[in-house]
PDB file of N, CA and C in Angstrom:
ATOM      1  N   MET A   1     -28.242   9.734 -12.215  1.00  0.00           N
ATOM      2  CA  MET A   1     -27.525  10.910 -11.829  1.00  0.00           C
ATOM      3  C   MET A   1     -26.036  10.595 -11.740  1.00  0.00           C
ATOM      4  N   THR A   2     -25.224  11.576 -12.016  1.00  0.00           N
ATOM      5  CA  THR A   2     -23.778  11.390 -11.923  1.00  0.00           C
ATOM      6  C   THR A   2     -23.260  11.936 -10.592  1.00  0.00           C
ATOM      7  N   ILE A   3     -22.054  11.495 -10.251  1.00  0.00           N
ATOM      8  CA  ILE A   3     -21.425  11.938  -9.019  1.00  0.00           C
ATOM      9  C   ILE A   3     -20.631  13.217  -9.285  1.00  0.00           C
ATOM     10  N   ASP A   4     -20.720  14.164  -8.380  1.00  0.00           N
ATOM     11  CA  ASP A   4     -19.984  15.403  -8.515  1.00  0.00           C
ATOM     12  C   ASP A   4     -18.471  15.125  -8.487  1.00  0.00           C
ATOM     13  N   LYS A   5     -17.693  15.938  -9.199  1.00  0.00           N
ATOM     14  CA  LYS A   5     -16.242  15.738  -9.258  1.00  0.00           C
ATOM     15  C   LYS A   5     -15.576  15.794  -7.896  1.00  0.00           C
ATOM     16  N   SER A   6     -16.087  16.616  -7.003  1.00  0.00           N
ATOM     17  CA  SER A   6     -15.462  16.756  -5.678  1.00  0.00           C
ATOM     18  C   SER A   6     -15.678  15.518  -4.818  1.00  0.00           C
ATOM     19  N   LEU A   7     -16.681  14.695  -5.144  1.00  0.00           N
ATOM     20  CA  LEU A   7     -16.985  13.511  -4.348  1.00  0.00           C
ATOM     21  C   LEU A   7     -16.301  12.256  -4.870  1.00  0.00           C
ATOM     22  N   LYS A   8     -15.726  12.304  -6.063  1.00  0.00           N
ATOM     23  CA  LYS A   8     -15.080  11.120  -6.627  1.00  0.00           C
ATOM     24  C   LYS A   8     -13.786  10.824  -5.906  1.00  0.00           C
ATOM     25  N   VAL A   9     -13.435   9.550  -5.842  1.00  0.00           N
ATOM     26  CA  VAL A   9     -12.208   9.125  -5.202  1.00  0.00           C
ATOM     27  C   VAL A   9     -11.057   9.311  -6.186  1.00  0.00           C
ATOM     28  N   ARG A  10      -9.993   9.893  -5.715  1.00  0.00           N
ATOM     29  CA  ARG A  10      -8.842  10.148  -6.588  1.00  0.00           C
ATOM     30  C   ARG A  10      -7.791   9.056  -6.449  1.00  0.00           C
ATOM     31  N   ARG A  11      -6.945   8.960  -7.428  1.00  0.00           N
ATOM     32  CA  ARG A  11      -5.795   8.036  -7.450  1.00  0.00           C
ATOM     33  C   ARG A  11      -6.215   6.575  -7.305  1.00  0.00           C
ATOM     34  N   GLY A  12      -7.225   6.187  -8.005  1.00  0.00           N
ATOM     35  CA  GLY A  12      -7.596   4.789  -8.052  1.00  0.00           C
ATOM     36  C   GLY A  12      -8.437   4.287  -6.904  1.00  0.00           C
ATOM     37  N   GLY A  13      -8.503   5.017  -5.830  1.00  0.00           N
ATOM     38  CA  GLY A  13      -9.344   4.622  -4.716  1.00  0.00           C
ATOM     39  C   GLY A  13      -8.837   3.457  -3.908  1.00  0.00           C
ATOM     40  N   VAL A  14      -7.585   3.031  -4.121  1.00  0.00           N
ATOM     41  CA  VAL A  14      -7.046   1.910  -3.375  1.00  0.00           C
ATOM     42  C   VAL A  14      -6.148   2.466  -2.274  1.00  0.00           C
ATOM     43  N   SER A  15      -6.510   2.186  -1.050  1.00  0.00           N
ATOM     44  CA  SER A  15      -5.684   2.637   0.065  1.00  0.00           C
ATOM     45  C   SER A  15      -5.209   1.424   0.852  1.00  0.00           C
ATOM     46  N   SER A  16      -4.154   1.609   1.618  1.00  0.00           N
ATOM     47  CA  SER A  16      -3.641   0.499   2.392  1.00  0.00           C
ATOM     48  C   SER A  16      -4.520   0.250   3.586  1.00  0.00           C
ATOM     49  N   ARG A  17      -4.740  -1.011   3.901  1.00  0.00           N
ATOM     50  CA  ARG A  17      -5.581  -1.373   5.029  1.00  0.00           C
ATOM     51  C   ARG A  17      -4.713  -1.538   6.265  1.00  0.00           C
ATOM     52  N   SER A  18      -5.232  -1.182   7.415  1.00  0.00           N
ATOM     53  CA  SER A  18      -4.453  -1.319   8.638  1.00  0.00           C
ATOM     54  C   SER A  18      -4.774  -2.621   9.364  1.00  0.00           C
ATOM     55  N   VAL A  19      -5.776  -3.369   8.879  1.00  0.00           N
ATOM     56  CA  VAL A  19      -6.178  -4.620   9.536  1.00  0.00           C
ATOM     57  C   VAL A  19      -6.123  -5.735   8.507  1.00  0.00           C
ATOM     58  N   LEU A  20      -5.514  -6.877   8.886  1.00  0.00           N
ATOM     59  CA  LEU A  20      -5.441  -8.029   8.002  1.00  0.00           C
ATOM     60  C   LEU A  20      -6.514  -9.036   8.350  1.00  0.00           C
ATOM     61  N   THR A  21      -6.931  -9.825   7.368  1.00  0.00           N
ATOM     62  CA  THR A  21      -7.872 -10.894   7.639  1.00  0.00           C
ATOM     63  C   THR A  21      -7.084 -12.046   8.303  1.00  0.00           C
ATOM     64  N   ARG A  22      -7.821 -13.010   8.855  1.00  0.00           N
ATOM     65  CA  ARG A  22      -7.183 -14.135   9.549  1.00  0.00           C
ATOM     66  C   ARG A  22      -6.280 -14.903   8.584  1.00  0.00           C
ATOM     67  N   VAL A  23      -6.733 -15.102   7.354  1.00  0.00           N
ATOM     68  CA  VAL A  23      -5.948 -15.850   6.359  1.00  0.00           C
ATOM     69  C   VAL A  23      -4.650 -15.114   6.022  1.00  0.00           C
ATOM     70  N   GLU A  24      -4.727 -13.780   5.889  1.00  0.00           N
ATOM     71  CA  GLU A  24      -3.535 -12.988   5.604  1.00  0.00           C
ATOM     72  C   GLU A  24      -2.561 -13.029   6.777  1.00  0.00           C
ATOM     73  N   ARG A  25      -3.083 -12.991   7.997  1.00  0.00           N
ATOM     74  CA  ARG A  25      -2.213 -13.047   9.185  1.00  0.00           C
ATOM     75  C   ARG A  25      -1.503 -14.392   9.265  1.00  0.00           C
ATOM     76  N   ILE A  26      -2.239 -15.486   8.982  1.00  0.00           N
ATOM     77  CA  ILE A  26      -1.634 -16.819   9.038  1.00  0.00           C
ATOM     78  C   ILE A  26      -0.562 -16.965   7.979  1.00  0.00           C
ATOM     79  N   SER A  27      -0.813 -16.410   6.768  1.00  0.00           N
ATOM     80  CA  SER A  27       0.189 -16.517   5.696  1.00  0.00           C
ATOM     81  C   SER A  27       1.463 -15.745   6.067  1.00  0.00           C
ATOM     82  N   GLN A  28       1.323 -14.575   6.714  1.00  0.00           N
ATOM     83  CA  GLN A  28       2.512 -13.818   7.145  1.00  0.00           C
ATOM     84  C   GLN A  28       3.234 -14.530   8.262  1.00  0.00           C
ATOM     85  N   LEU A  29       2.491 -15.156   9.171  1.00  0.00           N
ATOM     86  CA  LEU A  29       3.140 -15.909  10.258  1.00  0.00           C
ATOM     87  C   LEU A  29       3.906 -17.107   9.702  1.00  0.00           C
ATOM     88  N   LYS A  30       3.371 -17.759   8.655  1.00  0.00           N
ATOM     89  CA  LYS A  30       4.083 -18.882   8.010  1.00  0.00           C
ATOM     90  C   LYS A  30       5.380 -18.410   7.394  1.00  0.00           C
ATOM     91  N   GLU A  31       5.350 -17.244   6.726  1.00  0.00           N
ATOM     92  CA  GLU A  31       6.570 -16.696   6.101  1.00  0.00           C
ATOM     93  C   GLU A  31       7.634 -16.406   7.145  1.00  0.00           C
ATOM     94  N   ASN A  32       7.208 -15.943   8.335  1.00  0.00           N
ATOM     95  CA  ASN A  32       8.162 -15.599   9.404  1.00  0.00           C
ATOM     96  C   ASN A  32       8.550 -16.788  10.245  1.00  0.00           C
ATOM     97  N   GLY A  33       7.928 -17.943  10.003  1.00  0.00           N
ATOM     98  CA  GLY A  33       8.251 -19.148  10.768  1.00  0.00           C
ATOM     99  C   GLY A  33       7.633 -19.194  12.143  1.00  0.00           C
ATOM    100  N   ARG A  34       6.582 -18.413  12.380  1.00  0.00           N
ATOM    101  CA  ARG A  34       5.929 -18.358  13.675  1.00  0.00           C
ATOM    102  C   ARG A  34       4.620 -19.154  13.704  1.00  0.00           C
ATOM    103  N   TRP A  35       4.347 -19.946  12.659  1.00  0.00           N
ATOM    104  CA  TRP A  35       3.098 -20.695  12.558  1.00  0.00           C
ATOM    105  C   TRP A  35       3.413 -22.102  12.108  1.00  0.00           C
ATOM    106  N   SER A  36       2.797 -23.085  12.749  1.00  0.00           N
ATOM    107  CA  SER A  36       2.902 -24.471  12.297  1.00  0.00           C
ATOM    108  C   SER A  36       1.496 -25.002  12.059  1.00  0.00           C
ATOM    109  N   GLU A  37       1.354 -26.078  11.321  1.00  0.00           N
ATOM    110  CA  GLU A  37       0.069 -26.564  10.862  1.00  0.00           C
ATOM    111  C   GLU A  37      -0.891 -26.981  11.976  1.00  0.00           C
ATOM    112  N   GLY A  38      -0.439 -27.382  13.129  1.00  0.00           N
ATOM    113  CA  GLY A  38      -1.313 -27.839  14.190  1.00  0.00           C
ATOM    114  C   GLY A  38      -1.823 -26.725  15.098  1.00  0.00           C
ATOM    115  N   ASP A  39      -1.358 -25.504  14.916  1.00  0.00           N
ATOM    116  CA  ASP A  39      -1.723 -24.388  15.794  1.00  0.00           C
ATOM    117  C   ASP A  39      -3.180 -23.970  15.578  1.00  0.00           C
ATOM    118  N   SER A  40      -3.783 -23.414  16.616  1.00  0.00           N
ATOM    119  CA  SER A  40      -5.162 -22.933  16.548  1.00  0.00           C
ATOM    120  C   SER A  40      -5.224 -21.598  15.805  1.00  0.00           C
ATOM    121  N   PRO A  41      -6.222 -21.437  14.909  1.00  0.00           N
ATOM    122  CA  PRO A  41      -6.356 -20.150  14.209  1.00  0.00           C
ATOM    123  C   PRO A  41      -6.975 -19.055  15.080  1.00  0.00           C
ATOM    124  N   LEU A  42      -7.374 -19.380  16.295  1.00  0.00           N
ATOM    125  CA  LEU A  42      -7.938 -18.400  17.208  1.00  0.00           C
ATOM    126  C   LEU A  42      -6.845 -17.858  18.118  1.00  0.00           C
ATOM    127  N   GLY A  43      -6.924 -16.595  18.436  1.00  0.00           N
ATOM    128  CA  GLY A  43      -5.940 -15.983  19.320  1.00  0.00           C
ATOM    129  C   GLY A  43      -4.580 -15.843  18.679  1.00  0.00           C
ATOM    130  N   LEU A  44      -4.541 -15.412  17.428  1.00  0.00           N
ATOM    131  CA  LEU A  44      -3.275 -15.266  16.694  1.00  0.00           C
ATOM    132  C   LEU A  44      -2.455 -14.122  17.268  1.00  0.00           C
ATOM    133  N   PRO A  45      -1.130 -14.218  17.190  1.00  0.00           N
ATOM    134  CA  PRO A  45      -0.301 -13.091  17.625  1.00  0.00           C
ATOM    135  C   PRO A  45      -0.403 -11.937  16.640  1.00  0.00           C
ATOM    136  N   LYS A  46       0.019 -10.770  17.089  1.00  0.00           N
ATOM    137  CA  LYS A  46      -0.058  -9.582  16.242  1.00  0.00           C
ATOM    138  C   LYS A  46       0.926  -9.685  15.107  1.00  0.00           C
ATOM    139  N   VAL A  47       0.541  -9.096  13.964  1.00  0.00           N
ATOM    140  CA  VAL A  47       1.388  -9.070  12.768  1.00  0.00           C
ATOM    141  C   VAL A  47       1.472  -7.608  12.320  1.00  0.00           C
ATOM    142  N   ARG A  48       2.674  -7.128  12.146  1.00  0.00           N
ATOM    143  CA  ARG A  48       2.867  -5.740  11.718  1.00  0.00           C
ATOM    144  C   ARG A  48       2.483  -5.583  10.246  1.00  0.00           C
ATOM    145  N   VAL A  49       1.747  -4.520   9.948  1.00  0.00           N
ATOM    146  CA  VAL A  49       1.338  -4.213   8.590  1.00  0.00           C
ATOM    147  C   VAL A  49       2.313  -3.190   8.031  1.00  0.00           C
ATOM    148  N   LYS A  50       2.970  -3.523   6.928  1.00  0.00           N
ATOM    149  CA  LYS A  50       3.929  -2.614   6.317  1.00  0.00           C
ATOM    150  C   LYS A  50       3.182  -1.598   5.473  1.00  0.00           C
ATOM    151  N   LYS A  51       3.469  -0.340   5.695  1.00  0.00           N
ATOM    152  CA  LYS A  51       2.836   0.740   4.942  1.00  0.00           C
ATOM    153  C   LYS A  51       3.722   1.093   3.757  1.00  0.00           C
ATOM    154  N   LEU A  52       3.099   1.295   2.615  1.00  0.00           N
ATOM    155  CA  LEU A  52       3.848   1.716   1.435  1.00  0.00           C
ATOM    156  C   LEU A  52       3.888   3.238   1.406  1.00  0.00           C
ATOM    157  N   VAL A  53       5.080   3.775   1.264  1.00  0.00           N
ATOM    158  CA  VAL A  53       5.239   5.222   1.188  1.00  0.00           C
ATOM    159  C   VAL A  53       5.680   5.544  -0.226  1.00  0.00           C
ATOM    160  N   LEU A  54       4.865   6.351  -0.899  1.00  0.00           N
ATOM    161  CA  LEU A  54       5.179   6.758  -2.270  1.00  0.00           C
ATOM    162  C   LEU A  54       6.059   7.988  -2.234  1.00  0.00           C
ATOM    163  N   LYS A  55       7.150   7.936  -2.974  1.00  0.00           N
ATOM    164  CA  LYS A  55       8.044   9.090  -3.037  1.00  0.00           C
ATOM    165  C   LYS A  55       7.516  10.066  -4.072  1.00  0.00           C
ATOM    166  N   LYS A  56       7.708  11.333  -3.801  1.00  0.00           N
ATOM    167  CA  LYS A  56       7.276  12.358  -4.732  1.00  0.00           C
ATOM    168  C   LYS A  56       8.218  12.401  -5.920  1.00  0.00           C
ATOM    169  N   LYS A  57       7.663  12.636  -7.079  1.00  0.00           N
ATOM    170  CA  LYS A  57       8.468  12.727  -8.293  1.00  0.00           C
ATOM    171  C   LYS A  57       9.210  14.048  -8.315  1.00  0.00           C
ATOM    172  N   LYS A  58      10.462  13.987  -8.772  1.00  0.00           N
ATOM    173  CA  LYS A  58      11.255  15.201  -8.861  1.00  0.00           C
ATOM    174  C   LYS A  58      10.858  15.973 -10.117  1.00  0.00           C
ATOM    175  N   LYS A  59      10.879  17.283  -9.998  1.00  0.00           N
ATOM    176  CA  LYS A  59      10.560  18.108 -11.154  1.00  0.00           C
ATOM    177  C   LYS A  59      11.737  18.100 -12.114  1.00  0.00           C
ATOM    178  N   LYS A  60      11.436  18.114 -13.403  1.00  0.00           N
ATOM    179  CA  LYS A  60      12.495  18.135 -14.419  1.00  0.00           C
ATOM    180  C   LYS A  60      13.134  19.521 -14.452  1.00  0.00           C
ATOM    181  N   ALA A  61      14.457  19.511 -14.516  1.00  0.00           N
ATOM    182  CA  ALA A  61      15.182  20.775 -14.624  1.00  0.00           C
ATOM    183  C   ALA A  61      15.058  21.322 -16.037  1.00  0.00           C
ATOM    184  N   LYS A  62      14.940  22.630 -16.132  1.00  0.00           N
ATOM    185  CA  LYS A  62      14.766  23.241 -17.467  1.00  0.00           C
ATOM    186  C   LYS A  62      15.988  24.095 -17.809  1.00  0.00           C
ATOM    187  N   ASP A  63      16.291  24.181 -19.095  1.00  0.00           N
ATOM    188  CA  ASP A  63      17.363  25.042 -19.581  1.00  0.00           C
ATOM    189  C   ASP A  63      16.891  26.495 -19.580  1.00  0.00           C
ATOM    190  N   GLU A  64      17.802  27.387 -19.991  1.00  0.00           N
ATOM    191  CA  GLU A  64      17.459  28.803 -20.063  1.00  0.00           C
ATOM    192  C   GLU A  64      16.377  29.035 -21.098  1.00  0.00           C
ATOM    193  N   ASP A  65      16.337  28.216 -22.152  1.00  0.00           N
ATOM    194  CA  ASP A  65      15.344  28.386 -23.213  1.00  0.00           C
ATOM    195  C   ASP A  65      13.969  27.851 -22.809  1.00  0.00           C
ATOM    196  N   GLY A  66      13.912  27.145 -21.717  1.00  0.00           N
ATOM    197  CA  GLY A  66      12.643  26.566 -21.287  1.00  0.00           C
ATOM    198  C   GLY A  66      12.472  25.139 -21.779  1.00  0.00           C
ATOM    199  N   ASP A  67      13.465  24.569 -22.441  1.00  0.00           N
ATOM    200  CA  ASP A  67      13.403  23.193 -22.910  1.00  0.00           C
ATOM    201  C   ASP A  67      13.876  22.261 -21.812  1.00  0.00           C
ATOM    202  N   ASP A  68      13.389  21.035 -21.850  1.00  0.00           N
ATOM    203  CA  ASP A  68      13.832  20.026 -20.894  1.00  0.00           C
ATOM    204  C   ASP A  68      15.247  19.593 -21.250  1.00  0.00           C
ATOM    205  N   LYS A  69      16.017  19.192 -20.238  1.00  0.00           N
ATOM    206  CA  LYS A  69      17.377  18.690 -20.494  1.00  0.00           C
ATOM    207  C   LYS A  69      17.373  17.329 -21.184  1.00  0.00           C
ATOM    208  N   ALA A  70      16.312  16.592 -21.015  1.00  0.00           N
ATOM    209  CA  ALA A  70      16.241  15.239 -21.594  1.00  0.00           C
ATOM    210  C   ALA A  70      16.156  15.287 -23.123  1.00  0.00           C
ATOM    211  N   GLU A  71      15.691  16.394 -23.672  1.00  0.00           N
ATOM    212  CA  GLU A  71      15.506  16.453 -25.126  1.00  0.00           C
ATOM    213  C   GLU A  71      16.778  16.581 -25.881  1.00  0.00           C
TER     214      GLU A  71
END
């Protein structure tokens, strides 16, 4: 059986996660200089997750004839 169109995931189905794995948190702490090799991986400090905001595309302006200006 196929999946109905209304149930399919749109735009690739990839969304940003709000929770990082332990390995991802440690790598971000290393980049920020808040982690050294001897530290315990348990009880890690919080790490802010940056959200990607997609900007909306601007509509192309049209001439009086209905042609695009780019042409």
